[in-house]
């Protein structure tokens, strides 16, 4: 069974956002940039999840 479309970008976006927030203390500009990139993936993954509802068998 394949995961729903958009689930993988949303999960990876969560991990990237967490990594970016962890980097804020070391280099704030890079940390916030990475966190923003991750947040964009969460939003795009959520849009995909909403556009493609699960199929019933």
N, C-alpha and C. Protein backbone atom coordinates (compact mmCIF):
# COMPACT_ATOMS: atom_id res chain seq x y z
N UNK A 1 0.84 -1.18 0.00
CA UNK A 1 0.00 0.00 0.00
C UNK A 1 0.88 1.25 0.00
N UNK A 2 0.64 2.11 -0.94
CA UNK A 2 1.44 3.33 -1.05
C UNK A 2 0.89 4.41 -0.13
N UNK A 3 1.77 5.26 0.39
CA UNK A 3 1.27 6.36 1.23
C UNK A 3 0.50 7.37 0.39
N UNK A 4 -0.38 8.08 1.06
CA UNK A 4 -1.17 9.09 0.35
C UNK A 4 -0.26 10.15 -0.24
N UNK A 5 -0.68 10.68 -1.38
CA UNK A 5 0.09 11.72 -2.04
C UNK A 5 0.13 12.96 -1.14
N UNK A 6 1.32 13.47 -0.90
CA UNK A 6 1.49 14.64 -0.06
C UNK A 6 1.96 14.31 1.34
N UNK A 7 1.86 13.06 1.73
CA UNK A 7 2.26 12.68 3.09
C UNK A 7 3.78 12.74 3.26
N UNK A 8 4.51 12.28 2.26
CA UNK A 8 5.97 12.28 2.35
C UNK A 8 6.51 13.71 2.41
N UNK A 9 6.09 14.64 1.55
CA UNK A 9 6.60 16.02 1.69
C UNK A 9 6.24 16.66 3.04
N UNK A 10 5.06 16.34 3.56
CA UNK A 10 4.66 16.92 4.85
C UNK A 10 5.54 16.39 5.98
N UNK A 11 5.83 15.10 5.96
CA UNK A 11 6.67 14.52 7.02
C UNK A 11 8.11 15.01 6.90
N UNK A 12 8.64 15.02 5.68
CA UNK A 12 10.00 15.53 5.49
C UNK A 12 10.08 17.01 5.83
N UNK A 13 9.05 17.76 5.51
CA UNK A 13 9.02 19.18 5.86
C UNK A 13 9.05 19.38 7.36
N UNK A 14 8.41 18.50 8.10
CA UNK A 14 8.45 18.58 9.56
C UNK A 14 9.87 18.37 10.07
N UNK A 15 10.57 17.38 9.50
CA UNK A 15 11.94 17.11 9.91
C UNK A 15 12.87 18.27 9.55
N UNK A 16 12.70 18.83 8.36
CA UNK A 16 13.54 19.95 7.93
C UNK A 16 13.27 21.19 8.79
N UNK A 17 12.01 21.42 9.13
CA UNK A 17 11.67 22.55 9.99
C UNK A 17 12.32 22.40 11.36
N UNK A 18 12.27 21.19 11.91
CA UNK A 18 12.90 20.95 13.21
C UNK A 18 14.41 21.17 13.14
N UNK A 19 15.03 20.72 12.06
CA UNK A 19 16.47 20.93 11.90
C UNK A 19 16.80 22.42 11.79
N UNK A 20 15.98 23.15 11.05
CA UNK A 20 16.21 24.59 10.92
C UNK A 20 16.05 25.32 12.24
N UNK A 21 15.05 24.93 13.02
CA UNK A 21 14.86 25.57 14.33
C UNK A 21 16.00 25.23 15.28
N UNK A 22 16.58 24.05 15.13
CA UNK A 22 17.72 23.67 15.97
C UNK A 22 18.96 24.46 15.59
N UNK A 23 19.06 24.89 14.34
CA UNK A 23 20.24 25.65 13.88
C UNK A 23 20.16 27.14 14.20
N UNK A 24 19.04 27.61 14.71
CA UNK A 24 18.90 29.04 14.96
C UNK A 24 19.95 29.58 15.92
N UNK A 25 20.36 28.80 16.91
CA UNK A 25 21.35 29.28 17.88
C UNK A 25 22.73 29.41 17.25
N UNK A 26 23.06 28.54 16.31
CA UNK A 26 24.37 28.58 15.67
C UNK A 26 24.44 29.69 14.63
N UNK A 27 23.51 29.70 13.70
CA UNK A 27 23.47 30.70 12.64
C UNK A 27 22.01 31.04 12.37
N UNK A 28 21.52 32.15 12.92
CA UNK A 28 20.08 32.46 12.81
C UNK A 28 19.57 32.59 11.38
N UNK A 29 20.36 33.18 10.50
CA UNK A 29 19.88 33.40 9.13
C UNK A 29 19.69 32.07 8.41
N UNK A 30 20.67 31.19 8.51
CA UNK A 30 20.57 29.89 7.86
C UNK A 30 19.47 29.06 8.53
N UNK A 31 19.40 29.10 9.85
CA UNK A 31 18.38 28.34 10.57
C UNK A 31 16.98 28.73 10.16
N UNK A 32 16.72 30.03 10.10
CA UNK A 32 15.37 30.47 9.70
C UNK A 32 15.10 30.16 8.24
N UNK A 33 16.13 30.21 7.39
CA UNK A 33 15.95 29.86 5.98
C UNK A 33 15.56 28.40 5.81
N UNK A 34 16.26 27.52 6.52
CA UNK A 34 15.94 26.10 6.45
C UNK A 34 14.56 25.83 7.05
N UNK A 35 14.23 26.51 8.14
CA UNK A 35 12.90 26.33 8.75
C UNK A 35 11.80 26.78 7.79
N UNK A 36 12.02 27.87 7.09
CA UNK A 36 11.04 28.34 6.10
C UNK A 36 10.87 27.37 4.95
N UNK A 37 11.97 26.78 4.51
CA UNK A 37 11.92 25.78 3.45
C UNK A 37 11.10 24.58 3.90
N UNK A 38 11.31 24.15 5.14
CA UNK A 38 10.54 23.03 5.69
C UNK A 38 9.06 23.37 5.82
N UNK A 39 8.76 24.59 6.28
CA UNK A 39 7.36 25.00 6.40
C UNK A 39 6.66 25.04 5.05
N UNK A 40 7.39 25.45 4.01
CA UNK A 40 6.80 25.45 2.67
C UNK A 40 6.45 24.03 2.24
N UNK A 41 7.29 23.06 2.58
CA UNK A 41 6.99 21.67 2.23
C UNK A 41 5.79 21.14 3.01
N UNK A 42 5.67 21.57 4.26
CA UNK A 42 4.50 21.15 5.05
C UNK A 42 3.22 21.68 4.40
N UNK A 43 3.24 22.94 4.00
CA UNK A 43 2.05 23.54 3.38
C UNK A 43 1.73 22.86 2.06
N UNK A 44 2.74 22.62 1.22
CA UNK A 44 2.49 21.98 -0.07
C UNK A 44 2.01 20.54 0.11
N UNK A 45 2.57 19.83 1.08
CA UNK A 45 2.12 18.47 1.35
C UNK A 45 0.68 18.45 1.85
N UNK A 46 0.33 19.44 2.69
CA UNK A 46 -1.05 19.52 3.20
C UNK A 46 -2.03 19.82 2.07
N UNK A 47 -1.62 20.67 1.13
CA UNK A 47 -2.49 20.96 -0.01
C UNK A 47 -2.72 19.70 -0.83
N UNK A 48 -1.66 18.92 -1.06
CA UNK A 48 -1.81 17.65 -1.79
C UNK A 48 -2.73 16.69 -1.04
N UNK A 49 -2.59 16.63 0.27
CA UNK A 49 -3.44 15.74 1.05
C UNK A 49 -4.91 16.14 0.95
N UNK A 50 -5.18 17.44 0.92
CA UNK A 50 -6.56 17.90 0.82
C UNK A 50 -7.13 17.73 -0.58
N UNK A 51 -6.29 17.86 -1.61
CA UNK A 51 -6.77 17.74 -2.98
C UNK A 51 -7.05 16.30 -3.38
N UNK A 52 -6.34 15.35 -2.77
CA UNK A 52 -6.47 13.95 -3.15
C UNK A 52 -6.96 13.15 -1.95
N UNK A 53 -8.28 13.06 -1.79
CA UNK A 53 -8.80 12.28 -0.66
C UNK A 53 -8.48 10.79 -0.80
N UNK A 54 -8.47 10.05 0.28
CA UNK A 54 -8.16 8.61 0.18
C UNK A 54 -9.22 7.88 -0.64
N UNK A 55 -8.73 6.92 -1.42
CA UNK A 55 -9.65 6.14 -2.26
C UNK A 55 -10.25 5.02 -1.42
N UNK A 56 -11.52 4.76 -1.65
CA UNK A 56 -12.18 3.65 -0.96
C UNK A 56 -12.10 2.42 -1.85
N UNK A 57 -11.91 1.28 -1.23
CA UNK A 57 -11.79 0.03 -1.97
C UNK A 57 -13.07 -0.73 -1.93
